[in-house]
Structure formats: C-alpha cells, structure tokens
C-alpha cells in the first residue's frame, strides 16, 4: 500500500478577488432596486464618480482622466460599476473599464476592453493597456480606441 497521502485542493480566491466578487453582487442588487432608466443612469454614473473619488491619488488622477476621455469619445456609453471598477457599457454590456493599480495590488493601472469592443485587427490585438501616467498623446489614443470600440 502507498503510505503517501495525496490531496487536491481547489484553487483559492485571493482576498482582492473575493472583495471584487462581493462588490459585483452588491452592484447587481443595487441595479435591481433602481427606478426609471434615467434615474438608474444618473445613479450609476454617481456611483462611478464616487468610486473614482475613493481611489488613491495616482489611480484617482488616471481614472478621472480616463473617465473624461471615454465620456467625450463615446457619450453613448453608460458609466457603471463592474466588479467595483469604473466601466462603460452599451446596452448593459461592458465595452471598457478602468482597473486601479491598488485593486489587485498591481504596479500599474489598466484600461481594458471586453469582447463587446470592436477592436478586432487581424488575428491578434491588444485588449488591455497598462497605465502609469497619461500624456496628451495617450489620451488621444484612448479616445480613438474607444471610438473604434463602439463603431
């Protein structure tokens, strides 16, 4: 007989991942409680701005600028929280999102695009961009990517 005991353990979620899942659950509950479509949109944008205001200085500055660029480039996208992150959706589906560096203890913030974004180019294309600071050229590129994503 084999004296070695083998055990398998399921992968465990990090504390940050569990917190993100809890935030998402709360977002879904809050969204279900909201009233009219106009009220819902205003409340969701207010929640996004509140989440941005809570961020650490570096992340907050980046998130504020990304928010302004996305809103200017694609006003048809609706701001909403998604796993506790500012995101921008069309018909309820997230097109792009901002992930602060602090969210998962990363060394940089991220601007990500989901599969709703129409950025397809050839057989391979980027769907996320690391952000440490934003220049005017970076903001222009983000604006163009967002416009392309919703085209």
Protein backbone atom coordinates (compact mmCIF):
# COMPACT_ATOMS: atom_id res chain seq x y z
CA UNK A 1 0.00 0.00 0.00
CA UNK A 2 1.06 3.52 -0.63
CA UNK A 3 1.65 5.47 2.59
CA UNK A 4 1.76 8.78 0.78
CA UNK A 5 -1.50 10.62 1.10
CA UNK A 6 -2.38 12.80 -1.84
CA UNK A 7 -4.74 15.65 -1.50
CA UNK A 8 -6.09 18.00 -4.04
CA UNK A 9 -7.29 21.40 -3.12
CA UNK A 10 -9.37 23.71 -5.16
CA UNK A 11 -7.70 26.97 -6.14
CA UNK A 12 -8.48 29.67 -3.64
CA UNK A 13 -9.50 33.18 -4.49
CA UNK A 14 -7.36 35.98 -3.18
CA UNK A 15 -8.81 38.46 -0.71
CA UNK A 16 -8.92 41.04 -3.51
CA UNK A 17 -10.77 38.66 -5.85
CA UNK A 18 -13.34 37.81 -3.15
CA UNK A 19 -13.83 41.54 -2.49
CA UNK A 20 -14.39 42.17 -6.23
CA UNK A 21 -16.97 39.38 -6.39
CA UNK A 22 -18.74 40.80 -3.33
CA UNK A 23 -18.76 44.26 -4.94
CA UNK A 24 -20.27 42.80 -8.12
CA UNK A 25 -23.02 41.11 -6.13
CA UNK A 26 -23.83 44.40 -4.40
CA UNK A 27 -23.81 46.23 -7.76
CA UNK A 28 -26.34 43.79 -9.19
CA UNK A 29 -28.61 44.14 -6.16
CA UNK A 30 -28.41 47.95 -6.27
CA UNK A 31 -29.12 47.97 -10.01
CA UNK A 32 -32.23 45.84 -9.50
CA UNK A 33 -33.56 48.30 -6.89
CA UNK A 34 -33.15 51.42 -9.03
CA UNK A 35 -36.21 53.09 -10.57
CA UNK A 36 -36.57 54.60 -14.02
CA UNK A 37 -33.93 54.30 -16.72
CA UNK A 38 -32.91 57.97 -16.30
CA UNK A 39 -32.66 57.59 -12.51
CA UNK A 40 -30.68 54.40 -12.94
CA UNK A 41 -28.20 56.04 -15.35
CA UNK A 42 -27.69 59.03 -13.06
CA UNK A 43 -27.21 56.80 -10.02
CA UNK A 44 -24.76 54.53 -11.83
CA UNK A 45 -22.65 57.48 -13.01
CA UNK A 46 -22.71 58.90 -9.47
CA UNK A 47 -21.52 55.52 -8.16
CA UNK A 48 -18.66 55.52 -10.69
CA UNK A 49 -17.61 59.05 -9.71
CA UNK A 50 -17.80 58.11 -6.03
CA UNK A 51 -15.61 55.03 -6.63
CA UNK A 52 -13.08 57.17 -8.51
CA UNK A 53 -13.03 59.71 -5.66
CA UNK A 54 -12.20 56.90 -3.20
CA UNK A 55 -9.10 55.84 -5.14
CA UNK A 56 -5.54 56.60 -4.08
CA UNK A 57 -4.06 59.76 -5.59
CA UNK A 58 -2.25 58.27 -8.61
CA UNK A 59 -5.09 55.93 -9.54
CA UNK A 60 -7.69 58.65 -8.95
CA UNK A 61 -5.99 61.09 -11.32
CA UNK A 62 -5.73 58.43 -14.04
CA UNK A 63 -9.34 57.30 -13.52
CA UNK A 64 -10.66 60.88 -13.68
CA UNK A 65 -8.82 61.48 -16.94
CA UNK A 66 -9.88 58.16 -18.46
CA UNK A 67 -13.48 58.88 -17.43
CA UNK A 68 -13.38 62.29 -19.13
CA UNK A 69 -11.82 60.87 -22.31
CA UNK A 70 -14.28 57.97 -22.56
CA UNK A 71 -17.31 60.21 -21.93
CA UNK A 72 -16.10 62.68 -24.60
CA UNK A 73 -15.20 59.99 -27.16
CA UNK A 74 -18.33 57.88 -26.73
CA UNK A 75 -21.12 59.67 -24.87
CA UNK A 76 -23.44 56.78 -25.76
CA UNK A 77 -21.57 54.52 -23.34
CA UNK A 78 -23.16 54.36 -19.90
CA UNK A 79 -20.83 54.56 -16.89
CA UNK A 80 -21.43 51.81 -14.36
CA UNK A 81 -19.54 49.88 -11.71
CA UNK A 82 -18.36 46.44 -12.72
CA UNK A 83 -16.66 44.32 -10.04
CA UNK A 84 -16.04 47.59 -8.21
CA UNK A 85 -14.31 49.19 -11.19
CA UNK A 86 -15.44 52.14 -13.31
CA UNK A 87 -16.68 50.74 -16.60
CA UNK A 88 -18.55 51.93 -19.66
CA UNK A 89 -21.31 49.86 -21.21
CA UNK A 90 -23.52 49.72 -24.28
CA UNK A 91 -26.89 48.01 -23.90
CA UNK A 92 -25.82 46.80 -20.45
CA UNK A 93 -22.66 45.08 -21.71
CA UNK A 94 -19.27 46.43 -20.63
CA UNK A 95 -17.16 47.72 -23.50
CA UNK A 96 -14.22 49.09 -21.49
CA UNK A 97 -13.16 49.51 -17.88
CA UNK A 98 -10.54 51.10 -15.65
CA UNK A 99 -8.81 48.93 -13.08
CA UNK A 100 -6.82 50.80 -10.45
CA UNK A 101 -3.36 49.54 -9.54
CA UNK A 102 -4.47 49.22 -5.91
CA UNK A 103 -7.42 46.96 -6.81
CA UNK A 104 -5.25 43.85 -7.14
CA UNK A 105 -2.00 45.31 -5.78
CA UNK A 106 -0.54 45.69 -9.27
CA UNK A 107 2.28 48.03 -10.24
CA UNK A 108 0.13 49.83 -12.81
CA UNK A 109 -3.48 50.68 -13.53
CA UNK A 110 -5.17 49.08 -16.52
CA UNK A 111 -7.53 50.25 -19.24
CA UNK A 112 -9.23 47.12 -20.52
CA UNK A 113 -11.62 46.32 -23.36
CA UNK A 114 -14.10 43.44 -23.27
CA UNK A 115 -15.25 41.42 -26.26
CA UNK A 116 -18.07 43.93 -26.86
CA UNK A 117 -15.34 46.33 -28.04
CA UNK A 118 -14.87 46.22 -31.78
CA UNK A 119 -11.09 46.47 -31.81
CA UNK A 120 -10.52 43.37 -33.94
CA UNK A 121 -7.46 43.75 -36.11
CA UNK A 122 -6.10 40.68 -37.86
CA UNK A 123 -5.83 37.51 -35.80
CA UNK A 124 -4.42 39.17 -32.68
CA UNK A 125 -4.91 42.57 -30.98
CA UNK A 126 -4.44 44.10 -27.53
CA UNK A 127 -7.38 44.23 -25.14
CA UNK A 128 -5.69 45.85 -22.13
CA UNK A 129 -3.22 48.66 -21.65
CA UNK A 130 -1.02 49.37 -18.65
CA UNK A 131 -1.29 52.97 -17.42
CA UNK A 132 1.22 54.72 -15.17
CA UNK A 133 0.57 58.25 -16.40
CA UNK A 134 -1.29 59.86 -19.28
CA UNK A 135 0.12 62.29 -21.77
CA UNK A 136 -1.97 64.23 -24.27
CA UNK A 137 -0.94 61.67 -26.91
CA UNK A 138 -2.06 58.82 -24.63
CA UNK A 139 -5.43 60.49 -24.10
CA UNK A 140 -5.83 60.94 -27.85
CA UNK A 141 -5.04 57.23 -28.39
CA UNK A 142 -7.55 56.22 -25.72
CA UNK A 143 -10.17 58.41 -27.38
CA UNK A 144 -9.53 56.79 -30.75
CA UNK A 145 -9.62 53.27 -29.27
CA UNK A 146 -12.92 53.98 -27.52
CA UNK A 147 -14.43 55.44 -30.71
CA UNK A 148 -13.29 52.37 -32.62
CA UNK A 149 -14.59 50.09 -29.88
CA UNK A 150 -18.14 51.42 -30.26
CA UNK A 151 -18.15 51.78 -34.05
